[in-house]
Amino acid sequence: MKENILYSWSGGKDSALALYELKKNSRYNISSLLTTVVKDYSRSSMHGVRSELIEQQSKFLGLKLDKVFLSKDESSASYSSKMQLVLERYKRKGVFSVGFGDIFLEDIKQYRINNLAKLDMKGVFPLWKKDTLRLAHNFIDLGFKAITTCVDSRCLNEVFVGRFFDKNFLAELPQGIDPCGENGEFHTFVYAGPIFNETIRYKKGEIVLRNNRFYFCDLIPA
């Protein structure tokens, strides 16, 4: 019997690649995607992507999407409480595992494991400790398509936002920047790939600098 698993979905490339690995594994059945949305802006809390585009990803993945709505100034205690309620609901349905696309940040992984352990649940990390340059090239070679939606100006300049995540992008990254942006250097939106039934159509909107640090490229459903 397959193990039911809830999958933490950001809409970005690592999230998509980890989901690809889980779907290949005959051990798991993906019960649902779980994402967080900032209700003040109706955008994903991780990458600033419009919620309509995350919903299209879910539709073309053929998976249910469960959204946790957060305020722009949500406290960590409130966030934890909301997530606990959602996880408890899935646990009652027989889901005891949650999948993540984390690669090497030990503190984040441990945070997830500790919170899940309080509910007698476990985390599954299909990309954990894999080489990030190899993962980035594998993502591209598999036929996934992604665009950068956010870059940290302390790491990269504005020219890297709104760019296709391809081999040219990787070749132009400055030394010391992780090829998967695992340290938060950049974030992406995946619009096509082997796990999607259709290509998600969008057009690029304006690029803005927020909090005097992060460049965001708005993606508009087409």
Foldseek 3Di string as FASTA:
>chain_A
DAAEEEEEDQQFLLSVLQVVVQVVDPRYDYQAYEFEAAVVQCAGPPQRAHVVLVVLQCVQLVGHYDYDYDHPPRDPVNVLVSVVVVVVVVVVVRHQEYEDSAEEDPVVQVVVQVSSVVVNGGYDHRRYPPQQVVSLQVSVVQPWKKAWFKAWCVQDDPVRHRHISDPVSQVPHDPPQGSRNNVVGTTIHIQDGDSGNDGFDWDWDDWDDPPVTMIGIYTGGD
